[in-house]
Protein backbone atom coordinates (compact mmCIF):
# COMPACT_ATOMS: atom_id res chain seq x y z
CA UNK A 1 140.12 66.24 122.20
CA UNK A 2 141.69 68.15 119.37
CA UNK A 3 143.87 71.20 119.50
CA UNK A 4 142.94 74.84 119.16
CA UNK A 5 140.53 75.99 116.49
CA UNK A 6 139.52 72.46 115.42
CA UNK A 7 138.20 71.74 118.92
CA UNK A 8 136.56 75.18 118.99
CA UNK A 9 134.73 74.31 115.74
CA UNK A 10 133.59 70.94 117.13
CA UNK A 11 132.40 72.61 120.34
CA UNK A 12 130.42 75.27 118.44
CA UNK A 13 128.83 72.73 116.10
CA UNK A 14 127.94 70.60 119.13
CA UNK A 15 125.90 73.49 120.54
CA UNK A 16 123.48 73.24 117.59
CA UNK A 17 120.19 71.46 118.36
CA UNK A 18 120.24 67.80 117.39
CA UNK A 19 124.00 67.72 116.84
CA UNK A 20 125.80 65.45 119.27
CA UNK A 21 129.57 65.21 119.82
CA UNK A 22 130.13 62.59 117.08
CA UNK A 23 128.04 64.48 114.53
CA UNK A 24 129.83 67.72 115.41
CA UNK A 25 133.15 65.99 114.84
CA UNK A 26 131.99 64.56 111.48
CA UNK A 27 130.75 67.96 110.30
CA UNK A 28 133.96 69.66 111.43
CA UNK A 29 136.13 67.22 109.50
CA UNK A 30 133.86 67.51 106.46
CA UNK A 31 134.37 71.29 106.56
CA UNK A 32 138.14 70.85 106.91
CA UNK A 33 138.21 68.68 103.78
CA UNK A 34 135.73 70.80 101.80
CA UNK A 35 136.68 73.25 99.10
CA UNK A 36 137.44 76.67 100.67
CA UNK A 37 134.91 78.28 98.29
CA UNK A 38 132.12 76.06 99.66
CA UNK A 39 133.10 76.86 103.25
CA UNK A 40 133.20 80.60 102.48
CA UNK A 41 129.74 80.38 100.86
CA UNK A 42 128.37 78.67 104.00
CA UNK A 43 129.96 81.31 106.24
CA UNK A 44 128.55 84.12 104.06
CA UNK A 45 125.03 82.65 104.17
CA UNK A 46 125.18 82.32 107.96
CA UNK A 47 126.21 85.96 108.31
CA UNK A 48 123.58 87.09 105.78
CA UNK A 49 120.80 85.17 107.56
CA UNK A 50 121.63 86.85 110.86
CA UNK A 51 121.72 90.26 109.18
CA UNK A 52 118.54 90.00 107.05
CA UNK A 53 116.08 87.63 108.70
CA UNK A 54 113.72 88.92 111.37
CA UNK A 55 110.31 88.04 112.77
CA UNK A 56 107.00 89.17 111.26
CA UNK A 57 105.50 92.03 113.25
CA UNK A 58 102.03 90.44 112.94
CA UNK A 59 102.44 86.67 113.37
CA UNK A 60 106.11 86.23 114.42
CA UNK A 61 106.97 83.97 111.48
CA UNK A 62 110.44 84.42 109.93
CA UNK A 63 110.69 86.98 107.15
CA UNK A 64 113.08 89.40 105.51
CA UNK A 65 110.44 92.16 105.54
CA UNK A 66 108.32 93.67 108.30
CA UNK A 67 105.49 91.23 107.59
CA UNK A 68 105.76 87.71 106.19
CA UNK A 69 104.34 86.62 102.82
CA UNK A 70 101.43 84.80 104.50
CA UNK A 71 100.30 87.90 106.41
CA UNK A 72 100.62 89.98 103.21
CA UNK A 73 98.65 87.50 101.08
CA UNK A 74 95.08 88.87 100.57
CA UNK A 75 93.87 85.41 99.50
CA UNK A 76 94.40 83.99 103.00
CA UNK A 77 91.28 83.73 105.20
CA UNK A 78 91.66 86.32 107.99
CA UNK A 79 88.84 84.74 110.03
CA UNK A 80 90.83 81.56 110.79
CA UNK A 81 94.01 81.71 112.87
CA UNK A 82 96.28 78.72 113.41
CA UNK A 83 98.40 78.98 116.56
CA UNK A 84 101.70 77.08 116.39
CA UNK A 85 104.71 76.82 118.67
CA UNK A 86 107.53 77.53 116.21
CA UNK A 87 107.95 78.98 112.72
CA UNK A 88 109.10 75.55 111.47
CA UNK A 89 105.55 74.34 112.22
CA UNK A 90 104.21 76.91 109.72
CA UNK A 91 106.31 75.27 107.01
CA UNK A 92 105.07 71.80 107.99
CA UNK A 93 101.42 72.90 107.81
CA UNK A 94 101.91 74.81 104.56
CA UNK A 95 103.29 71.64 102.92
CA UNK A 96 99.87 69.98 103.39
CA UNK A 97 98.13 72.63 101.25
CA UNK A 98 95.05 72.02 103.46
CA UNK A 99 95.08 75.27 105.41
CA UNK A 100 94.17 78.64 103.89
CA UNK A 101 94.03 80.88 106.98
CA UNK A 102 96.68 82.85 108.83
CA UNK A 103 99.12 81.96 111.62
CA UNK A 104 100.32 83.06 115.02
CA UNK A 105 103.72 81.74 116.17
CA UNK A 106 104.02 81.54 119.96
CA UNK A 107 107.79 81.16 120.00
CA UNK A 108 107.73 77.99 122.09
CA UNK A 109 105.53 76.12 124.52
CA UNK A 110 104.78 76.40 128.22
CA UNK A 111 107.41 74.41 130.10
CA UNK A 112 107.76 75.15 133.82
CA UNK A 113 110.83 72.88 134.03
CA UNK A 114 112.61 75.11 131.50
CA UNK A 115 111.27 78.28 133.11
CA UNK A 116 109.00 79.08 130.16
CA UNK A 117 105.59 80.45 131.06
CA UNK A 118 102.96 82.32 129.06
CA UNK A 119 104.83 85.60 129.59
CA UNK A 120 107.83 84.26 127.63
CA UNK A 121 105.59 83.42 124.65
CA UNK A 122 103.62 85.64 122.24
CA UNK A 123 100.35 85.06 124.11
CA UNK A 124 99.70 88.75 124.85
CA UNK A 125 100.14 89.56 121.16
CA UNK A 126 97.72 86.73 120.29
CA UNK A 127 95.05 88.20 122.56
CA UNK A 128 95.61 91.63 120.98
CA UNK A 129 95.14 90.14 117.48
CA UNK A 130 91.88 88.50 118.54
CA UNK A 131 90.43 91.64 120.15
CA UNK A 132 89.08 93.24 116.94
CA UNK A 133 86.68 90.35 116.18
CA UNK A 134 88.07 89.51 112.70
CA UNK A 135 89.04 85.99 113.77
CA UNK A 136 86.14 83.58 114.33
CA UNK A 137 88.10 80.32 114.68
CA UNK A 138 91.38 79.61 116.44
CA UNK A 139 93.09 76.31 115.64
CA UNK A 140 95.50 75.24 118.37
CA UNK A 141 98.21 73.33 116.51
CA UNK A 142 100.71 72.81 119.32
CA UNK A 143 102.88 69.70 119.41
CA UNK A 144 101.20 66.56 120.79
CA UNK A 145 103.54 66.31 123.77
CA UNK A 146 103.35 67.39 127.42
CA UNK A 147 104.43 70.99 126.78
CA UNK A 148 102.20 71.36 123.71
CA UNK A 149 99.18 69.99 125.57
CA UNK A 150 99.83 72.31 128.52
CA UNK A 151 100.05 75.26 126.14
CA UNK A 152 96.83 74.27 124.35
CA UNK A 153 94.99 73.81 127.65
CA UNK A 154 96.15 77.23 128.88
CA UNK A 155 95.12 78.93 125.63
CA UNK A 156 91.75 77.14 125.58
CA UNK A 157 90.98 78.52 129.04
CA UNK A 158 91.97 82.02 127.91
CA UNK A 159 89.93 81.84 124.70
CA UNK A 160 86.68 80.34 126.06
CA UNK A 161 85.61 83.76 127.34
CA UNK A 162 85.77 85.12 123.78
CA UNK A 163 83.15 84.49 121.12
CA UNK A 164 85.38 82.13 119.12
CA UNK A 165 85.37 78.57 117.86
CA UNK A 166 88.48 76.97 119.39
CA UNK A 167 89.67 73.72 117.80
CA UNK A 168 92.60 71.32 118.15
CA UNK A 169 94.21 69.18 115.47
CA UNK A 170 92.62 65.74 115.19
CA UNK A 171 94.17 62.31 115.61
CA UNK A 172 96.91 61.16 113.35
CA UNK A 173 99.76 62.96 115.06
CA UNK A 174 101.78 60.79 117.42
CA UNK A 175 101.94 61.83 121.08
CA UNK A 176 105.45 62.96 121.93
CA UNK A 177 106.16 63.93 118.32
CA UNK A 178 106.89 67.25 116.63
CA UNK A 179 104.83 68.77 113.81
CA UNK A 180 108.05 69.40 111.93
CA UNK A 181 108.58 65.64 111.41
CA UNK A 182 105.01 64.67 110.49
CA UNK A 183 104.47 63.70 106.86
CA UNK A 184 102.07 65.70 104.69
CA UNK A 185 99.32 63.05 104.65
CA UNK A 186 99.23 62.63 108.44
CA UNK A 187 99.31 66.35 109.05
CA UNK A 188 96.69 66.95 106.35
CA UNK A 189 94.32 64.39 107.94
CA UNK A 190 94.88 65.93 111.34
CA UNK A 191 93.85 69.31 109.94
CA UNK A 192 90.82 67.96 108.12
CA UNK A 193 89.57 66.19 111.26
CA UNK A 194 90.29 68.83 113.87
CA UNK A 195 87.96 68.93 116.88
CA UNK A 196 86.75 71.39 119.49
CA UNK A 197 89.32 72.06 122.23
CA UNK A 198 88.38 70.92 125.71
């Protein structure tokens, strides 16, 4: 335990996802030794991100405008909609350069243990987007873990009553993994070989 503001900094850094106590301590001491200009630049960027960044009113991806660049892009195929859990998954899929449709970000996955059900996700907004008949295929690109599979199963049941082709990403993604950490080749193959959802 350290005194005062140093311990406060370590505690705050430790609240970040993926940052344990030792990493928080290392980052804190790095910041203490860093040039004050660099630390000020980091603080300014953090404040600016919170002030400027919001969620797209159409797909819920991150953006600085009302709609994200993907939703504004007229070259994207509006008939294909890829449903992902988080906005970081959009970046992972875009890196493959295999997908040319649009996205819908759920904002998480169904997880009863964490108290997250369909009402806490952007499922209602998804159903509203699908109501006009523009979309003919929905690709369920949830993480290949328990929560992602539960979310995909729930959505498949909801979407089977609509006149849509519902597909899931194909093999190549490890069970228990996150899309964010998949390499471009693996994720690209998974997209190319997607299959009908069951």
